């Protein structure tokens, strides 16, 4: 069982986005305000968790989705599966890489208000 919490950022169409999220049996809406909706997702596997995340991202009116928390009962097993399939970046597997040596080239300005 995987449990995660998401903040869904909308273009102020919260009601229509909430109606679409409510159709997903794995999702529970906790609260919403302004252009944000807090959702808890319960899924059977990491693949399901990712599938649901992508489904929410694809809802009309959703600007972005941020995972705030994720708990996995079988995290070690999931990590091994991802590693075997080559789906984990090498930088994340190397214990010699220091966090301060990782350069981030993205932008989080749109999330800061």
N, C-alpha and C. Protein backbone atom coordinates (compact mmCIF):
# COMPACT_ATOMS: atom_id res chain seq x y z
N UNK A 1 0.85 -1.18 0.00
CA UNK A 1 0.00 0.00 0.00
C UNK A 1 0.89 1.23 0.00
N UNK A 2 0.59 2.15 -0.90
CA UNK A 2 1.28 3.43 -0.98
C UNK A 2 0.29 4.52 -0.61
N UNK A 3 0.75 5.48 0.16
CA UNK A 3 -0.06 6.63 0.51
C UNK A 3 0.76 7.86 0.21
N UNK A 4 0.16 8.80 -0.52
CA UNK A 4 0.88 10.03 -0.82
C UNK A 4 -0.08 11.20 -0.73
N UNK A 5 0.50 12.38 -0.51
CA UNK A 5 -0.32 13.58 -0.51
C UNK A 5 0.19 14.50 -1.61
N UNK A 6 -0.76 15.16 -2.25
CA UNK A 6 -0.45 16.03 -3.37
C UNK A 6 -1.07 17.40 -3.16
N UNK A 7 -0.40 18.41 -3.69
CA UNK A 7 -1.02 19.72 -3.85
C UNK A 7 -1.25 19.89 -5.34
N UNK A 8 -2.51 20.07 -5.70
CA UNK A 8 -2.88 20.25 -7.09
C UNK A 8 -3.11 21.74 -7.31
N UNK A 9 -2.29 22.33 -8.16
CA UNK A 9 -2.41 23.75 -8.49
C UNK A 9 -3.31 23.88 -9.72
N UNK A 10 -4.30 24.76 -9.62
CA UNK A 10 -5.27 24.91 -10.71
C UNK A 10 -5.24 26.33 -11.26
N UNK A 11 -5.94 26.50 -12.37
CA UNK A 11 -6.09 27.84 -12.93
C UNK A 11 -7.42 28.44 -12.45
N UNK A 12 -7.71 28.21 -11.16
CA UNK A 12 -8.91 28.71 -10.47
C UNK A 12 -10.20 28.04 -10.92
N UNK A 13 -10.07 26.85 -11.50
CA UNK A 13 -11.26 26.07 -11.83
C UNK A 13 -11.36 24.91 -10.84
N UNK A 14 -11.27 25.23 -9.55
CA UNK A 14 -11.24 24.19 -8.53
C UNK A 14 -12.43 23.25 -8.59
N UNK A 15 -13.62 23.78 -8.80
CA UNK A 15 -14.82 22.92 -8.76
C UNK A 15 -14.78 21.85 -9.85
N UNK A 16 -14.43 22.22 -11.07
CA UNK A 16 -14.40 21.22 -12.14
C UNK A 16 -13.25 20.23 -11.92
N UNK A 17 -12.11 20.73 -11.43
CA UNK A 17 -10.98 19.84 -11.14
C UNK A 17 -11.34 18.89 -10.00
N UNK A 18 -11.97 19.42 -8.95
CA UNK A 18 -12.37 18.56 -7.83
C UNK A 18 -13.35 17.48 -8.29
N UNK A 19 -14.28 17.82 -9.16
CA UNK A 19 -15.23 16.83 -9.67
C UNK A 19 -14.52 15.70 -10.40
N UNK A 20 -13.47 16.03 -11.16
CA UNK A 20 -12.71 15.00 -11.87
C UNK A 20 -11.90 14.14 -10.90
N UNK A 21 -11.30 14.77 -9.90
CA UNK A 21 -10.51 14.02 -8.91
C UNK A 21 -11.41 13.07 -8.12
N UNK A 22 -12.61 13.51 -7.80
CA UNK A 22 -13.56 12.68 -7.05
C UNK A 22 -13.92 11.40 -7.80
N UNK A 23 -13.77 11.39 -9.11
CA UNK A 23 -14.05 10.20 -9.91
C UNK A 23 -12.98 9.12 -9.73
N UNK A 24 -11.82 9.50 -9.21
CA UNK A 24 -10.72 8.55 -9.01
C UNK A 24 -10.87 7.91 -7.64
N UNK A 25 -11.17 6.61 -7.60
CA UNK A 25 -11.48 5.95 -6.34
C UNK A 25 -10.29 5.94 -5.37
N UNK A 26 -9.09 6.12 -5.88
CA UNK A 26 -7.90 6.11 -5.03
C UNK A 26 -7.65 7.45 -4.34
N UNK A 27 -8.43 8.47 -4.70
CA UNK A 27 -8.17 9.84 -4.23
C UNK A 27 -9.20 10.32 -3.22
N UNK A 28 -8.72 11.09 -2.26
CA UNK A 28 -9.59 11.76 -1.30
C UNK A 28 -9.16 13.22 -1.24
N UNK A 29 -10.10 14.11 -1.46
CA UNK A 29 -9.80 15.54 -1.36
C UNK A 29 -9.90 15.93 0.10
N UNK A 30 -8.83 16.55 0.62
CA UNK A 30 -8.78 16.94 2.03
C UNK A 30 -9.30 18.35 2.22
N UNK A 31 -8.81 19.27 1.40
CA UNK A 31 -9.23 20.67 1.48
C UNK A 31 -8.85 21.38 0.19
N UNK A 32 -9.38 22.59 0.01
CA UNK A 32 -8.95 23.41 -1.12
C UNK A 32 -9.10 24.87 -0.74
N UNK A 33 -8.31 25.70 -1.38
CA UNK A 33 -8.35 27.15 -1.17
C UNK A 33 -7.72 27.81 -2.38
N UNK A 34 -8.32 28.91 -2.78
CA UNK A 34 -7.81 29.67 -3.93
C UNK A 34 -7.58 28.74 -5.12
N UNK A 35 -6.32 28.60 -5.52
CA UNK A 35 -6.01 27.78 -6.69
C UNK A 35 -5.31 26.47 -6.33
N UNK A 36 -5.55 25.97 -5.12
CA UNK A 36 -4.88 24.75 -4.66
C UNK A 36 -5.89 23.75 -4.10
N UNK A 37 -5.61 22.47 -4.33
CA UNK A 37 -6.42 21.39 -3.79
C UNK A 37 -5.45 20.39 -3.17
N UNK A 38 -5.73 19.97 -1.93
CA UNK A 38 -4.90 18.96 -1.26
C UNK A 38 -5.60 17.61 -1.40
N UNK A 39 -4.85 16.64 -1.92
CA UNK A 39 -5.40 15.32 -2.22
C UNK A 39 -4.54 14.25 -1.56
N UNK A 40 -5.18 13.23 -0.97
CA UNK A 40 -4.47 12.06 -0.47
C UNK A 40 -4.78 10.91 -1.44
N UNK A 41 -3.71 10.22 -1.86
CA UNK A 41 -3.84 9.12 -2.81
C UNK A 41 -3.43 7.82 -2.12
N UNK A 42 -4.27 6.81 -2.22
CA UNK A 42 -3.96 5.47 -1.72
C UNK A 42 -3.89 4.55 -2.93
N UNK A 43 -2.75 3.89 -3.10
CA UNK A 43 -2.58 3.03 -4.26
C UNK A 43 -1.89 1.72 -3.85
N UNK A 44 -2.00 0.74 -4.72
CA UNK A 44 -1.44 -0.59 -4.43
C UNK A 44 0.05 -0.70 -4.74
N UNK A 45 0.53 0.13 -5.68
CA UNK A 45 1.93 0.02 -6.09
C UNK A 45 2.45 1.38 -6.53
N UNK A 46 3.74 1.46 -6.71
CA UNK A 46 4.33 2.71 -7.18
C UNK A 46 3.87 3.02 -8.60
N UNK A 47 3.66 1.96 -9.40
CA UNK A 47 3.16 2.16 -10.76
C UNK A 47 1.77 2.80 -10.73
N UNK A 48 0.91 2.33 -9.82
CA UNK A 48 -0.43 2.92 -9.68
C UNK A 48 -0.33 4.37 -9.19
N UNK A 49 0.58 4.60 -8.25
CA UNK A 49 0.77 5.95 -7.73
C UNK A 49 1.16 6.91 -8.86
N UNK A 50 2.09 6.49 -9.69
CA UNK A 50 2.54 7.32 -10.82
C UNK A 50 1.41 7.49 -11.84
N UNK A 51 0.65 6.43 -12.09
CA UNK A 51 -0.47 6.49 -13.04
C UNK A 51 -1.50 7.52 -12.57
N UNK A 52 -1.84 7.49 -11.29
CA UNK A 52 -2.82 8.43 -10.74
C UNK A 52 -2.29 9.85 -10.79
N UNK A 53 -1.02 10.03 -10.42
CA UNK A 53 -0.36 11.34 -10.48
C UNK A 53 -0.48 11.92 -11.89
N UNK A 54 -0.17 11.10 -12.90
CA UNK A 54 -0.23 11.56 -14.30
C UNK A 54 -1.67 11.83 -14.73
N UNK A 55 -2.62 11.04 -14.22
CA UNK A 55 -4.03 11.29 -14.55
C UNK A 55 -4.46 12.65 -14.01
N UNK A 56 -4.06 12.97 -12.79
CA UNK A 56 -4.41 14.26 -12.19
C UNK A 56 -3.74 15.39 -12.96
N UNK A 57 -2.48 15.20 -13.35
CA UNK A 57 -1.79 16.22 -14.15
C UNK A 57 -2.52 16.50 -15.46
N UNK A 58 -3.20 15.50 -16.00
CA UNK A 58 -3.86 15.64 -17.28
C UNK A 58 -5.26 16.23 -17.22
N UNK A 59 -5.77 16.49 -16.03
CA UNK A 59 -7.11 17.05 -15.89
C UNK A 59 -7.11 18.49 -16.37
N UNK A 60 -8.11 18.84 -17.16
CA UNK A 60 -8.23 20.21 -17.65
C UNK A 60 -8.39 21.17 -16.47
N UNK A 61 -7.60 22.22 -16.44
CA UNK A 61 -7.62 23.17 -15.34
C UNK A 61 -6.50 22.97 -14.35
N UNK A 62 -5.77 21.85 -14.45
CA UNK A 62 -4.63 21.60 -13.56
C UNK A 62 -3.39 22.24 -14.18
N UNK A 63 -2.74 23.08 -13.39
CA UNK A 63 -1.52 23.75 -13.83
C UNK A 63 -0.31 22.88 -13.52
N UNK A 64 -0.27 22.34 -12.29
CA UNK A 64 0.81 21.43 -11.90
C UNK A 64 0.38 20.65 -10.66
N UNK A 65 1.14 19.59 -10.39
CA UNK A 65 0.88 18.75 -9.23
C UNK A 65 2.20 18.56 -8.49
N UNK A 66 2.19 18.77 -7.18
CA UNK A 66 3.40 18.60 -6.38
C UNK A 66 3.15 17.52 -5.33
N UNK A 67 4.00 16.50 -5.32
CA UNK A 67 3.90 15.47 -4.29
C UNK A 67 4.59 16.01 -3.04
N UNK A 68 3.86 16.00 -1.94
CA UNK A 68 4.39 16.54 -0.69
C UNK A 68 4.90 15.41 0.20
N UNK A 69 4.22 14.29 0.16
CA UNK A 69 4.56 13.17 1.04
C UNK A 69 4.28 11.87 0.31
N UNK A 70 5.12 10.88 0.53
CA UNK A 70 4.88 9.56 -0.04
C UNK A 70 5.37 8.50 0.93
N UNK A 71 4.50 7.55 1.24
CA UNK A 71 4.85 6.42 2.08
C UNK A 71 4.61 5.14 1.29
N UNK A 72 5.59 4.24 1.31
CA UNK A 72 5.46 2.97 0.61
C UNK A 72 5.80 1.85 1.58
N UNK A 73 4.86 0.93 1.74
CA UNK A 73 5.11 -0.22 2.61
C UNK A 73 6.27 -1.07 2.08
N UNK A 74 6.35 -1.19 0.78
CA UNK A 74 7.38 -2.02 0.16
C UNK A 74 8.38 -1.17 -0.63
N UNK A 75 8.87 -0.12 -0.01
CA UNK A 75 9.76 0.84 -0.68
C UNK A 75 11.03 0.16 -1.20
N UNK A 76 11.61 -0.72 -0.43
CA UNK A 76 12.85 -1.38 -0.85
C UNK A 76 12.61 -2.23 -2.10
N UNK A 77 11.51 -2.96 -2.12
CA UNK A 77 11.17 -3.78 -3.28
C UNK A 77 10.93 -2.89 -4.51
N UNK A 78 10.23 -1.78 -4.31
CA UNK A 78 9.98 -0.85 -5.42
C UNK A 78 11.28 -0.24 -5.93
N UNK A 79 12.18 0.11 -5.03
CA UNK A 79 13.46 0.67 -5.43
C UNK A 79 14.23 -0.32 -6.29
N UNK A 80 14.24 -1.59 -5.88
CA UNK A 80 14.95 -2.62 -6.64
C UNK A 80 14.36 -2.78 -8.03
N UNK A 81 13.02 -2.76 -8.12
CA UNK A 81 12.37 -2.89 -9.44
C UNK A 81 12.76 -1.73 -10.35
N UNK A 82 12.70 -0.52 -9.81
CA UNK A 82 13.06 0.66 -10.59
C UNK A 82 14.52 0.62 -11.02
N UNK A 83 15.37 0.19 -10.10
CA UNK A 83 16.80 0.10 -10.39
C UNK A 83 17.07 -0.92 -11.50
N UNK A 84 16.42 -2.09 -11.41
CA UNK A 84 16.60 -3.13 -12.42
C UNK A 84 16.13 -2.68 -13.79
N UNK A 85 15.10 -1.86 -13.82
CA UNK A 85 14.57 -1.37 -15.10
C UNK A 85 15.30 -0.13 -15.61
N UNK A 86 16.34 0.32 -14.88
CA UNK A 86 17.11 1.48 -15.29
C UNK A 86 16.34 2.77 -15.17
N UNK A 87 15.40 2.83 -14.24
CA UNK A 87 14.55 4.02 -14.12
C UNK A 87 14.97 4.93 -12.98
N UNK A 88 16.13 4.67 -12.37
CA UNK A 88 16.65 5.54 -11.32
C UNK A 88 17.92 6.18 -11.86
N UNK A 89 17.98 7.49 -11.78
CA UNK A 89 19.15 8.21 -12.27
C UNK A 89 20.41 7.75 -11.54
N UNK A 90 21.49 7.64 -12.28
CA UNK A 90 22.77 7.21 -11.71
C UNK A 90 23.21 8.11 -10.56
N UNK A 91 22.93 9.39 -10.67
CA UNK A 91 23.34 10.33 -9.63
C UNK A 91 22.67 10.01 -8.28
N UNK A 92 21.47 9.45 -8.35
CA UNK A 92 20.77 9.09 -7.12
C UNK A 92 21.29 7.80 -6.51
N UNK A 93 21.99 7.01 -7.30
CA UNK A 93 22.52 5.73 -6.83
C UNK A 93 23.94 5.85 -6.28
N UNK A 94 24.59 6.96 -6.55
CA UNK A 94 25.99 7.14 -6.18
C UNK A 94 26.10 7.81 -4.81
N UNK A 95 26.54 7.05 -3.81
CA UNK A 95 26.66 7.57 -2.45
C UNK A 95 27.78 8.61 -2.31
N UNK A 96 28.65 8.71 -3.30
CA UNK A 96 29.76 9.66 -3.23
C UNK A 96 29.39 11.06 -3.71
N UNK A 97 28.20 11.21 -4.31
CA UNK A 97 27.77 12.51 -4.79
C UNK A 97 27.18 13.30 -3.63
N UNK A 98 27.70 14.51 -3.43
CA UNK A 98 27.21 15.37 -2.35
C UNK A 98 26.06 16.22 -2.89
N UNK A 99 25.06 16.44 -2.07
CA UNK A 99 23.89 17.22 -2.48
C UNK A 99 24.30 18.60 -2.98
N UNK A 100 25.29 19.22 -2.35
CA UNK A 100 25.70 20.56 -2.75
C UNK A 100 26.40 20.59 -4.11
N UNK A 101 26.77 19.41 -4.63
CA UNK A 101 27.41 19.33 -5.94
C UNK A 101 26.41 19.12 -7.07
N UNK A 102 25.14 18.97 -6.73
CA UNK A 102 24.12 18.74 -7.74
C UNK A 102 23.55 20.10 -8.17
N UNK A 103 23.63 20.38 -9.46
CA UNK A 103 23.13 21.64 -10.00
C UNK A 103 21.71 21.42 -10.51
N UNK A 104 20.79 22.25 -10.03
CA UNK A 104 19.40 22.17 -10.48
C UNK A 104 19.16 23.26 -11.50
N UNK A 105 18.64 22.90 -12.66
CA UNK A 105 18.44 23.86 -13.73
C UNK A 105 17.00 24.24 -13.98
N UNK A 106 16.10 23.78 -13.14
CA UNK A 106 14.67 24.07 -13.33
C UNK A 106 14.27 25.36 -12.66
N UNK A 107 12.99 25.55 -12.53
CA UNK A 107 12.46 26.77 -11.91
C UNK A 107 11.31 26.41 -10.99
N UNK A 108 11.30 27.00 -9.81
CA UNK A 108 10.20 26.82 -8.89
C UNK A 108 9.49 28.14 -8.62
N UNK A 109 9.84 29.16 -9.39
CA UNK A 109 9.26 30.49 -9.16
C UNK A 109 7.75 30.51 -9.30
N UNK A 110 7.21 29.69 -10.21
CA UNK A 110 5.77 29.68 -10.41
C UNK A 110 5.03 29.12 -9.18
N UNK A 111 5.75 28.40 -8.31
CA UNK A 111 5.12 27.85 -7.11
C UNK A 111 5.16 28.81 -5.94
N UNK A 112 5.97 29.84 -6.03
CA UNK A 112 6.14 30.80 -4.95
C UNK A 112 5.27 32.00 -5.24
N UNK A 113 4.43 32.36 -4.27
CA UNK A 113 3.55 33.52 -4.47
C UNK A 113 3.76 34.53 -3.39
